[in-house]
Amino acid sequence: MVDVQAAVAAELDRIAPVIDELGALFADAGHELALVGGPVRDAMLGRRSNDLDLTTSARPEQTDKLLRAWGDAWWDMGRDFGTIGCRKGDWVVEVTTYRSESYDPGSRKPEVQYGDNLAGDLGRRDFTVNAMAVRLPGREIEDPYGGVLDLAHQVLRTPGTPEQSFSDDPLRMMRAARFAAQLGFTVDPAVRQAMTDMAERIEIISAERVRDELVKLVCAPHPRAGLSLLVETGLADRVLPELPALKLERDEHHRHKDVYEHTLTVLEQAIDLEPRLAERAGLPAGPDFVSRFAALMHDVGKPRTRRFVDDGTVTFHHHDVVGAKLTRKRMKALKFSNEQIEAVSDLVELHLRFHGYGSGEWTDSAVRRYVRDAGDQLERLHVLTRADCTTRNQRKADRLRRTYDDLEARIDRLAGEEELAAIRPDLDGNQIMAILDLAPGREVGQAYQFLLDLRLDNGPMSAEDATAALKEWWAAR
């Protein structure tokens, strides 16, 4: 455990230019101000951030006036919840009025009430490790609920009873799983029990808020811990039911894998391969939600496609296609963007394609089609396909790895020769219409697809050869 006193002192010294100025600014205006929640917790863990959360006795309109006099840019999207945001240089500050909030049993939106003291504000926080504050400008630490001790023991508890905390905001049940995934902490047994007993309360939370917590959990350093907690408490049945559905009863002959455990292992292996995405696809270093969620969802079609064969074996024919449909449906329900939905569902649908490669029997045409179908998700498909190998048979695992190495080498070779990522027919739509004397319409599209298939089968062609092939195809229709 980090030396808490030294860590906090060092972090407060680092952020002093911000907190000392703001503390004096609010004090001179007759208001209290305190650094609160995550920044205090992270300071005690020796973590650094330029995003600071503060709480104040000032009302939002007063906070807005003070921050406008201090910062470079401002926003008030959270005004209804008492929050005003500000940026100054590299610092991002959000200041929230002392408050309490709770949900009506039938409402999706919290009722916000402003408070008048710091102790009351800390008491309505989600967990004790987030219910600590540093008063400004004097820098006195407030820890009324034992957050420092819980940090030392790496345990998540609520300031009051977990039942009251989760009644105030049911999303906190998902936050418990998220913090378990982010911090590697265990969840207090009373908190776990309340999550189990109150799981159905999550259904009053908006899809957008559930989605945002799920993304944070999946992108955390230890997502298995958080996802397992969601499944074990029954929360996953309500927010991501496809995951617990993977806990299939194994057949008596154990002819197929534990799909649920396999899925979590694939997710962890995909995480290990994420540096490839930054290196080869030019994506930012760090967690990649699309590849992680595709790993999590890649086998969700198996429960619906499981069939027992007379010889005792089990099949999951077309679980890739069924899984893609289920993934698309779930992500739409959670209000993901169309771009994310298409990326993840495409990866789920394509995750088995490699297994048709055998020992390298694919023609160059088949390799081109693999690249075309993957499109801009090719690098993520490489990651998912490699991660999907969880066999304990080292010889088989090595063979699969070498075979995929061979496929990637062929893709790279063909890409260098033919610019695979930008495959187009050798004639465009205008040329097709001119050659065949056509007006825009379905026949032009059919001709375009013919030329694209020809391009995939044969590689690049000259304009003359493509024109001759097009005329021959047209005449033979």
Protein backbone atom coordinates (compact mmCIF):
# COMPACT_ATOMS: atom_id res chain seq x y z
CA MET A 1 0.00 0.00 0.00
CA VAL A 2 1.26 3.48 -0.85
CA ASP A 3 2.30 5.71 2.09
CA VAL A 4 -0.99 7.61 2.20
CA GLN A 5 0.23 10.70 4.01
CA ALA A 6 3.23 11.14 1.73
CA ALA A 7 1.24 10.38 -1.42
CA VAL A 8 -1.47 12.90 -0.58
CA ALA A 9 1.05 15.59 0.34
CA ALA A 10 2.93 15.07 -2.93
CA GLU A 11 -0.23 15.20 -5.04
CA LEU A 12 -1.57 18.28 -3.25
CA ASP A 13 1.73 20.02 -3.87
CA ARG A 14 1.50 19.13 -7.56
CA ILE A 15 -2.02 20.49 -7.96
CA ALA A 16 -1.46 23.42 -5.60
CA PRO A 17 -1.59 26.08 -8.36
CA VAL A 18 -5.20 25.04 -9.00
CA ILE A 19 -6.60 24.12 -5.61
CA ASP A 20 -4.97 26.96 -3.69
CA GLU A 21 -6.24 29.56 -6.16
CA LEU A 22 -9.74 28.12 -6.26
CA GLY A 23 -9.85 27.61 -2.49
CA ALA A 24 -8.98 31.26 -1.91
CA LEU A 25 -11.39 32.41 -4.65
CA PHE A 26 -14.37 30.60 -3.11
CA ALA A 27 -13.39 31.49 0.48
CA ASP A 28 -13.17 35.20 -0.39
CA ALA A 29 -16.71 34.91 -1.81
CA GLY A 30 -17.92 33.35 1.44
CA HIS A 31 -18.22 29.73 0.22
CA GLU A 32 -16.73 26.41 1.28
CA LEU A 33 -14.76 24.34 -1.24
CA ALA A 34 -13.23 20.86 -1.04
CA LEU A 35 -11.44 18.44 -3.32
CA VAL A 36 -13.56 15.31 -3.20
CA GLY A 37 -14.10 11.76 -4.41
CA GLY A 38 -11.90 10.15 -7.05
CA PRO A 39 -9.05 12.71 -7.00
CA VAL A 40 -8.63 12.24 -3.24
CA ARG A 41 -8.79 8.46 -3.56
CA ASP A 42 -6.30 8.45 -6.42
CA ALA A 43 -3.95 10.79 -4.52
CA MET A 44 -3.90 8.24 -1.69
CA LEU A 45 -3.13 5.50 -4.21
CA GLY A 46 -0.27 7.53 -5.67
CA ARG A 47 -2.08 8.19 -8.96
CA ARG A 48 -2.02 11.45 -10.85
CA SER A 49 -4.65 13.22 -12.92
CA ASN A 50 -5.34 16.70 -14.21
CA ASP A 51 -9.11 16.18 -13.87
CA LEU A 52 -10.28 17.48 -10.50
CA ASP A 53 -13.68 17.09 -8.82
CA LEU A 54 -14.63 19.58 -6.14
CA THR A 55 -17.69 20.20 -4.02
CA THR A 56 -18.92 23.51 -2.61
CA SER A 57 -21.55 25.23 -0.54
CA ALA A 58 -22.04 27.68 -3.43
CA ARG A 59 -25.08 27.27 -5.65
CA PRO A 60 -24.50 26.57 -9.35
CA GLU A 61 -25.08 30.18 -10.45
CA GLN A 62 -22.50 31.37 -7.90
CA THR A 63 -20.02 28.69 -8.94
CA ASP A 64 -20.51 29.62 -12.59
CA LYS A 65 -19.68 33.26 -11.86
CA LEU A 66 -16.52 32.38 -9.93
CA LEU A 67 -15.23 29.90 -12.52
CA ARG A 68 -15.78 32.34 -15.36
CA ALA A 69 -13.54 34.79 -13.55
CA TRP A 70 -10.84 32.14 -13.17
CA GLY A 71 -10.81 29.73 -16.13
CA ASP A 72 -10.27 29.75 -19.89
CA ALA A 73 -13.41 27.83 -20.93
CA TRP A 74 -16.63 26.80 -19.19
CA TRP A 75 -19.61 24.46 -19.57
CA ASP A 76 -22.77 23.84 -17.61
CA MET A 77 -24.29 20.65 -19.09
CA GLY A 78 -24.50 19.30 -15.54
CA ARG A 79 -26.20 22.37 -14.10
CA ASP A 80 -29.38 20.39 -13.36
CA PHE A 81 -27.26 18.21 -11.09
CA GLY A 82 -25.45 21.17 -9.57
CA THR A 83 -22.25 20.80 -11.61
CA ILE A 84 -20.32 23.52 -13.44
CA GLY A 85 -17.21 22.66 -15.46
CA CYS A 86 -14.15 24.69 -16.31
CA ARG A 87 -10.83 24.33 -18.09
CA LYS A 88 -7.70 26.33 -17.35
CA GLY A 89 -4.58 25.38 -19.25
CA ASP A 90 -4.13 21.61 -18.87
CA TRP A 91 -6.48 21.41 -15.90
CA VAL A 92 -10.12 20.32 -16.05
CA VAL A 93 -12.22 21.19 -13.03
CA GLU A 94 -15.81 20.27 -12.17
CA VAL A 95 -17.41 21.88 -9.13
CA THR A 96 -20.67 20.49 -7.72
CA THR A 97 -22.89 22.00 -5.08
CA TYR A 98 -23.30 19.96 -1.88
CA ARG A 99 -26.17 17.66 -2.68
CA SER A 100 -28.11 14.50 -2.12
CA GLU A 101 -29.93 12.55 -4.79
CA SER A 102 -32.30 9.62 -4.91
CA TYR A 103 -34.56 7.80 -7.34
CA ASP A 104 -38.29 7.51 -7.15
CA PRO A 105 -39.11 3.77 -7.54
CA GLY A 106 -40.65 4.36 -10.96
CA SER A 107 -38.33 7.09 -12.24
CA ARG A 108 -35.28 6.95 -14.49
CA LYS A 109 -33.96 10.32 -13.32
CA PRO A 110 -32.56 11.16 -9.89
CA GLU A 111 -34.14 13.83 -7.76
CA VAL A 112 -31.41 16.29 -6.79
CA GLN A 113 -31.56 18.22 -3.54
CA TYR A 114 -28.84 20.65 -2.52
CA GLY A 115 -27.16 20.23 0.86
CA ASP A 116 -25.56 22.75 3.16
CA ASN A 117 -22.52 20.95 4.58
CA LEU A 118 -19.64 18.74 3.50
CA ALA A 119 -20.41 15.90 5.92
CA GLY A 120 -23.88 15.46 4.43
CA ASP A 121 -22.46 15.51 0.90
CA LEU A 122 -19.89 12.82 1.74
CA GLY A 123 -22.58 10.67 3.32
CA ARG A 124 -24.46 10.40 0.02
CA ARG A 125 -21.36 9.22 -1.90
CA ASP A 126 -21.30 5.73 -3.38
CA PHE A 127 -18.39 4.11 -1.50
CA THR A 128 -16.23 5.02 1.47
CA VAL A 129 -13.12 5.25 -0.70
CA ASN A 130 -14.91 8.01 -2.62
CA ALA A 131 -16.32 9.66 0.52
CA MET A 132 -13.12 11.48 1.49
CA ALA A 133 -12.37 15.16 0.95
CA VAL A 134 -9.66 17.75 1.36
CA ARG A 135 -10.95 21.12 2.56
CA LEU A 136 -9.56 24.11 0.70
CA PRO A 137 -7.58 26.24 1.02
CA GLY A 138 -6.48 24.78 4.39
CA ARG A 139 -5.97 21.20 3.07
CA GLU A 140 -7.60 19.44 6.04
CA ILE A 141 -8.54 15.83 5.22
CA GLU A 142 -12.10 14.74 5.97
CA ASP A 143 -12.67 10.97 6.26
CA PRO A 144 -15.83 10.38 8.30
CA TYR A 145 -16.51 6.84 7.00
CA GLY A 146 -13.10 5.16 7.16
CA GLY A 147 -12.18 5.42 3.50
CA VAL A 148 -8.44 5.40 4.24
CA LEU A 149 -8.76 2.10 6.11
CA ASP A 150 -10.83 0.58 3.31
CA LEU A 151 -8.21 1.70 0.80
CA ALA A 152 -5.56 -0.05 2.88
CA HIS A 153 -7.66 -3.23 2.97
CA GLN A 154 -8.67 -2.82 -0.71
CA VAL A 155 -12.35 -3.32 0.01
CA LEU A 156 -15.47 -1.56 -1.29
CA ARG A 157 -18.02 -0.56 1.35
CA THR A 158 -20.78 2.05 1.34
CA PRO A 159 -20.86 5.01 3.77
CA GLY A 160 -24.28 3.97 5.08
CA THR A 161 -26.14 0.74 4.48
CA PRO A 162 -25.69 -0.58 0.95
CA GLU A 163 -29.46 -0.91 0.64
CA GLN A 164 -29.90 2.82 1.23
CA SER A 165 -27.01 3.67 -1.10
CA PHE A 166 -28.39 1.54 -3.92
CA SER A 167 -31.89 2.85 -3.35
CA ASP A 168 -30.56 6.39 -3.75
CA ASP A 169 -28.93 5.46 -7.06
CA PRO A 170 -29.18 1.87 -8.36
CA LEU A 171 -26.37 2.52 -10.86
CA ARG A 172 -24.01 2.28 -7.88
CA MET A 173 -24.41 -1.49 -8.06
CA MET A 174 -22.72 -1.42 -11.45
CA ARG A 175 -20.14 1.02 -10.12
CA ALA A 176 -19.20 -1.55 -7.51
CA ALA A 177 -18.39 -3.98 -10.31
CA ARG A 178 -16.58 -1.25 -12.24
CA PHE A 179 -14.40 -0.30 -9.27
CA ALA A 180 -13.62 -3.96 -8.65
CA ALA A 181 -12.40 -4.08 -12.25
CA GLN A 182 -10.54 -0.77 -12.11
CA LEU A 183 -8.90 -1.01 -8.68
CA GLY A 184 -8.72 -4.76 -8.15
CA PHE A 185 -10.61 -4.35 -4.84
CA THR A 186 -12.87 -6.93 -3.26
CA VAL A 187 -16.51 -6.10 -2.54
CA ASP A 188 -17.74 -6.22 1.04
CA PRO A 189 -20.11 -9.19 1.59
CA ALA A 190 -22.94 -6.87 2.66
CA VAL A 191 -22.52 -4.87 -0.55
CA ARG A 192 -22.52 -8.04 -2.65
CA GLN A 193 -25.66 -9.29 -0.92
CA ALA A 194 -27.46 -5.99 -1.49
CA MET A 195 -26.49 -6.09 -5.15
CA THR A 196 -28.02 -9.55 -5.40
CA ASP A 197 -31.18 -8.64 -3.53
CA MET A 198 -31.73 -5.38 -5.39
CA ALA A 199 -30.55 -6.33 -8.89
CA GLU A 200 -33.95 -5.64 -10.45
CA ARG A 201 -33.65 -1.97 -9.40
CA ILE A 202 -31.08 -1.45 -12.16
CA GLU A 203 -33.93 -1.59 -14.65
CA ILE A 204 -35.05 1.96 -13.78
CA ILE A 205 -31.67 3.38 -14.86
CA SER A 206 -31.47 4.79 -18.37
CA ALA A 207 -29.76 2.70 -21.04
CA GLU A 208 -27.20 5.46 -21.61
CA ARG A 209 -26.02 5.45 -17.99
CA VAL A 210 -25.83 1.65 -17.93
CA ARG A 211 -23.87 1.72 -21.20
CA ASP A 212 -21.36 4.23 -19.89
CA GLU A 213 -20.67 2.14 -16.77
CA LEU A 214 -20.33 -1.00 -18.87
CA VAL A 215 -17.79 0.67 -21.15
CA LYS A 216 -15.72 1.81 -18.17
CA LEU A 217 -15.85 -1.69 -16.70
CA VAL A 218 -14.85 -3.43 -19.94
CA CYS A 219 -11.99 -0.96 -20.44
CA ALA A 220 -10.69 -1.38 -16.87
CA PRO A 221 -7.45 -3.25 -16.10
CA HIS A 222 -9.28 -6.28 -14.62
CA PRO A 223 -12.64 -6.60 -16.41
CA ARG A 224 -13.03 -10.29 -15.52
CA ALA A 225 -13.47 -9.36 -11.84
CA GLY A 226 -16.21 -6.84 -12.59
CA LEU A 227 -18.02 -8.99 -15.13
CA SER A 228 -17.96 -12.00 -12.81
CA LEU A 229 -19.51 -9.86 -10.08
CA LEU A 230 -22.28 -8.73 -12.44
CA VAL A 231 -23.03 -12.35 -13.34
CA GLU A 232 -22.87 -13.69 -9.78
CA THR A 233 -25.20 -11.02 -8.38
CA GLY A 234 -27.75 -11.30 -11.20
CA LEU A 235 -27.14 -7.77 -12.51
CA ALA A 236 -25.85 -9.14 -15.81
CA ASP A 237 -29.20 -10.87 -16.35
CA ARG A 238 -30.68 -7.40 -16.65
CA VAL A 239 -28.00 -5.38 -18.41
CA LEU A 240 -26.11 -7.97 -20.50
CA PRO A 241 -28.09 -11.24 -20.37
CA GLU A 242 -26.09 -12.77 -23.22
CA LEU A 243 -23.11 -13.14 -20.86
CA PRO A 244 -24.64 -15.33 -18.12
CA ALA A 245 -26.44 -17.29 -20.85
CA LEU A 246 -22.99 -18.62 -21.82
CA LYS A 247 -22.96 -20.68 -18.62
CA LEU A 248 -24.18 -23.70 -20.54
CA GLU A 249 -24.57 -27.01 -18.81
CA ARG A 250 -21.74 -29.15 -20.06
CA ASP A 251 -22.71 -32.40 -21.72
CA GLU A 252 -22.00 -35.57 -19.78
CA HIS A 253 -19.05 -36.45 -22.00
CA HIS A 254 -17.51 -32.99 -21.69
CA ARG A 255 -17.28 -32.68 -25.45
CA HIS A 256 -17.36 -28.88 -25.48
CA LYS A 257 -15.68 -26.10 -23.55
CA ASP A 258 -17.12 -24.08 -20.71
CA VAL A 259 -18.21 -21.25 -23.01
CA TYR A 260 -18.48 -18.65 -20.24
CA GLU A 261 -14.95 -19.22 -18.90
CA HIS A 262 -13.65 -19.49 -22.46
CA THR A 263 -15.16 -16.08 -23.23
CA LEU A 264 -13.52 -14.38 -20.25
CA THR A 265 -10.20 -15.95 -21.22
CA VAL A 266 -10.58 -14.70 -24.81
CA LEU A 267 -11.24 -11.21 -23.42
CA GLU A 268 -8.06 -11.32 -21.35
CA GLN A 269 -6.03 -12.59 -24.30
CA ALA A 270 -7.46 -9.85 -26.51
CA ILE A 271 -6.33 -7.31 -23.91
CA ASP A 272 -2.82 -8.76 -24.02
CA LEU A 273 -2.81 -8.24 -27.80
CA GLU A 274 -3.98 -4.60 -27.70
CA PRO A 275 -0.50 -3.15 -28.29
CA ARG A 276 -0.80 -4.55 -31.84
CA LEU A 277 -3.68 -2.18 -32.51
CA ALA A 278 -1.64 0.86 -31.57
CA GLU A 279 1.34 -0.39 -33.55
CA ARG A 280 -0.33 -1.65 -36.72
CA ALA A 281 -3.67 0.16 -36.93
CA GLY A 282 -2.55 3.51 -35.60
CA LEU A 283 -5.09 3.42 -32.78
CA PRO A 284 -4.35 5.16 -29.47
CA ALA A 285 -2.39 3.08 -26.98
CA GLY A 286 -4.50 1.72 -24.15
CA PRO A 287 -7.89 0.00 -23.80
CA ASP A 288 -9.80 -0.58 -27.03
CA PHE A 289 -13.48 -1.04 -26.26
CA VAL A 290 -14.44 -2.42 -29.69
CA SER A 291 -11.96 -5.29 -29.64
CA ARG A 292 -12.70 -6.07 -25.98
CA PHE A 293 -16.46 -6.08 -26.43
CA ALA A 294 -16.18 -8.19 -29.57
CA ALA A 295 -14.17 -10.72 -27.55
CA LEU A 296 -16.87 -10.66 -24.87
CA MET A 297 -19.69 -11.17 -27.37
CA HIS A 298 -18.05 -13.42 -29.94
CA ASP A 299 -19.75 -16.64 -28.77
CA VAL A 300 -23.12 -15.29 -27.60
CA GLY A 301 -24.79 -17.16 -30.45
CA LYS A 302 -23.82 -20.55 -29.00
CA PRO A 303 -26.71 -21.04 -26.55
CA ARG A 304 -29.26 -20.63 -29.36
CA THR A 305 -27.42 -22.86 -31.81
CA ARG A 306 -26.29 -25.71 -29.54
CA ARG A 307 -27.28 -29.12 -30.86
CA PHE A 308 -26.43 -32.58 -29.50
CA VAL A 309 -25.46 -35.10 -32.17
CA ASP A 310 -26.18 -38.84 -31.88
CA ASP A 311 -22.50 -39.65 -31.40
CA GLY A 312 -22.41 -37.44 -28.30
CA THR A 313 -20.71 -34.45 -29.86
CA VAL A 314 -22.09 -30.92 -29.64
CA THR A 315 -22.39 -28.46 -32.51
CA PHE A 316 -22.93 -24.72 -32.70
CA HIS A 317 -23.51 -24.26 -36.41
CA HIS A 318 -23.92 -20.63 -37.54
CA HIS A 319 -23.36 -19.25 -34.04
CA ASP A 320 -21.27 -16.53 -35.64
CA VAL A 321 -24.22 -15.20 -37.66
CA VAL A 322 -26.69 -15.60 -34.78
CA GLY A 323 -24.20 -14.00 -32.41
CA ALA A 324 -23.78 -10.98 -34.66
CA LYS A 325 -27.57 -10.44 -34.66
CA LEU A 326 -27.75 -10.75 -30.87
CA THR A 327 -24.82 -8.38 -30.48
CA ARG A 328 -26.41 -5.80 -32.73
CA LYS A 329 -29.71 -6.04 -30.83
CA ARG A 330 -28.07 -5.69 -27.40
CA MET A 331 -25.89 -2.77 -28.41
CA LYS A 332 -28.87 -0.95 -29.92
CA ALA A 333 -30.78 -1.45 -26.67
CA LEU A 334 -27.84 0.07 -24.80
CA LYS A 335 -27.79 3.08 -27.17
CA PHE A 336 -24.33 2.52 -28.60
CA SER A 337 -23.37 4.51 -31.68
CA ASN A 338 -24.06 2.96 -35.08
CA GLU A 339 -20.32 2.94 -35.76
CA GLN A 340 -19.58 0.88 -32.64
CA ILE A 341 -22.51 -1.45 -33.27
CA GLU A 342 -21.36 -2.23 -36.80
CA ALA A 343 -17.72 -2.67 -35.81
CA VAL A 344 -18.43 -5.11 -32.97
CA SER A 345 -21.15 -7.10 -34.73
CA ASP A 346 -19.01 -7.42 -37.88
CA LEU A 347 -16.15 -8.83 -35.81
CA VAL A 348 -18.49 -11.32 -34.14
CA GLU A 349 -19.77 -12.47 -37.53
CA LEU A 350 -16.26 -12.83 -38.94
CA HIS A 351 -14.54 -14.48 -35.97
CA LEU A 352 -14.77 -18.01 -37.40
CA ARG A 353 -13.76 -17.15 -40.95
CA PHE A 354 -10.08 -17.94 -40.38
CA HIS A 355 -10.83 -21.59 -39.61
CA GLY A 356 -11.63 -22.15 -43.27
CA TYR A 357 -7.99 -21.37 -43.99
CA GLY A 358 -6.99 -24.87 -42.90
CA SER A 359 -3.26 -25.24 -43.38
CA GLY A 360 -3.05 -22.45 -45.89
CA GLU A 361 -5.24 -23.80 -48.68
CA TRP A 362 -6.93 -20.47 -49.40
CA THR A 363 -6.33 -18.98 -52.81
CA ASP A 364 -5.20 -15.39 -53.16
CA SER A 365 -8.80 -14.65 -54.09
CA ALA A 366 -10.02 -15.98 -50.74
CA VAL A 367 -7.42 -13.91 -48.91
CA ARG A 368 -8.58 -10.79 -50.76
CA ARG A 369 -12.17 -11.50 -49.78
CA TYR A 370 -11.14 -11.95 -46.15
CA VAL A 371 -9.52 -8.53 -46.21
CA ARG A 372 -12.43 -6.94 -48.06
CA ASP A 373 -15.02 -8.35 -45.66
CA ALA A 374 -13.02 -7.25 -42.60
CA GLY A 375 -12.62 -3.76 -44.02
CA ASP A 376 -11.31 -1.28 -41.45
CA GLN A 377 -11.70 -3.90 -38.71
CA LEU A 378 -8.95 -6.14 -40.10
CA GLU A 379 -6.42 -5.48 -37.33
CA ARG A 380 -9.08 -6.03 -34.67
CA LEU A 381 -10.08 -9.25 -36.43
CA HIS A 382 -6.46 -10.40 -36.23
CA VAL A 383 -6.56 -9.74 -32.47
CA LEU A 384 -9.92 -11.48 -31.93
CA THR A 385 -8.98 -14.53 -34.00
CA ARG A 386 -5.68 -15.00 -32.18
CA ALA A 387 -7.31 -14.43 -28.78
CA ASP A 388 -9.99 -17.04 -29.55
CA CYS A 389 -7.44 -19.84 -29.23
CA THR A 390 -7.72 -21.07 -25.63
CA THR A 391 -6.74 -24.72 -26.10
CA ARG A 392 -4.47 -26.22 -23.46
CA ASN A 393 -2.93 -28.42 -26.14
CA GLN A 394 0.31 -26.53 -26.75
CA ARG A 395 1.01 -28.31 -30.02
CA LYS A 396 -2.41 -27.31 -31.38
CA ALA A 397 -2.01 -23.76 -30.12
CA ASP A 398 1.40 -23.44 -31.78
CA ARG A 399 0.00 -24.81 -35.05
CA LEU A 400 -2.87 -22.30 -35.04
CA ARG A 401 -0.50 -19.44 -34.28
CA ARG A 402 1.85 -20.41 -37.11
CA THR A 403 -1.05 -20.78 -39.52
CA TYR A 404 -2.37 -17.33 -38.66
CA ASP A 405 1.16 -15.94 -38.98
CA ASP A 406 1.14 -17.37 -42.49
CA LEU A 407 -2.22 -15.76 -43.31
CA GLU A 408 -1.07 -12.36 -42.05
CA ALA A 409 2.14 -12.67 -44.08
CA ARG A 410 0.09 -13.39 -47.21
CA ILE A 411 -2.17 -10.43 -46.48
CA ASP A 412 0.85 -8.18 -46.05
CA ARG A 413 2.38 -9.46 -49.29
CA LEU A 414 -0.78 -8.98 -51.29
CA ALA A 415 -1.40 -5.62 -49.66
CA GLY A 416 2.03 -4.47 -50.73
CA GLU A 417 1.40 -5.64 -54.27
CA GLU A 418 -2.21 -4.61 -54.71
CA GLU A 419 -3.23 -2.08 -52.05
CA LEU A 420 -5.80 -4.52 -50.65
CA ALA A 421 -7.33 -2.06 -48.24
CA ALA A 422 -8.53 0.05 -51.17
CA ILE A 423 -9.76 -2.72 -53.47
CA ARG A 424 -12.11 -1.39 -56.12
CA PRO A 425 -13.14 -2.70 -59.54
CA ASP A 426 -10.82 -1.72 -62.36
CA LEU A 427 -13.61 0.40 -63.86
CA ASP A 428 -15.77 2.86 -61.95
CA GLY A 429 -19.50 3.47 -62.28
CA ASN A 430 -19.17 6.22 -64.87
CA GLN A 431 -16.97 4.06 -67.07
CA ILE A 432 -19.40 1.14 -66.76
CA MET A 433 -22.34 3.33 -67.86
CA ALA A 434 -20.35 4.70 -70.81
CA ILE A 435 -19.18 1.27 -72.00
CA LEU A 436 -22.61 -0.39 -71.68
CA ASP A 437 -24.63 2.72 -72.56
CA LEU A 438 -26.61 2.51 -69.32
CA ALA A 439 -28.36 5.06 -67.15
CA PRO A 440 -27.85 4.94 -63.36
CA GLY A 441 -29.72 1.98 -61.89
CA ARG A 442 -29.60 -1.58 -60.63
CA GLU A 443 -27.84 -2.95 -63.72
CA VAL A 444 -24.88 -0.64 -63.11
CA GLY A 445 -24.63 -2.04 -59.59
CA GLN A 446 -24.70 -5.58 -60.92
CA ALA A 447 -21.94 -4.78 -63.40
CA TYR A 448 -19.91 -3.13 -60.64
CA GLN A 449 -20.25 -6.26 -58.45
CA PHE A 450 -19.19 -8.47 -61.37
CA LEU A 451 -16.03 -6.42 -61.83
CA LEU A 452 -15.35 -6.40 -58.09
CA ASP A 453 -15.61 -10.20 -57.93
CA LEU A 454 -13.33 -10.41 -60.97
CA ARG A 455 -10.85 -8.12 -59.24
CA LEU A 456 -10.89 -10.25 -56.09
CA ASP A 457 -10.45 -13.47 -58.06
CA ASN A 458 -7.76 -12.33 -60.47
CA GLY A 459 -6.09 -9.32 -58.91
CA PRO A 460 -5.57 -6.04 -60.80
CA MET A 461 -6.51 -5.88 -64.49
CA SER A 462 -5.79 -3.32 -67.17
CA ALA A 463 -8.65 -1.08 -68.27
CA GLU A 464 -8.65 -2.85 -71.64
CA ASP A 465 -8.93 -6.34 -70.11
CA ALA A 466 -11.60 -5.19 -67.67
CA THR A 467 -13.59 -3.61 -70.52
CA ALA A 468 -13.41 -6.79 -72.58
CA ALA A 469 -14.49 -8.93 -69.62
CA LEU A 470 -17.36 -6.54 -68.87
CA LYS A 471 -18.65 -6.64 -72.46
CA GLU A 472 -18.41 -10.43 -72.55
CA TRP A 473 -20.34 -10.71 -69.26
CA TRP A 474 -22.97 -8.26 -70.50
CA ALA A 475 -23.46 -10.10 -73.78
CA ALA A 476 -23.84 -13.42 -72.02
CA ARG A 477 -26.55 -12.20 -69.59
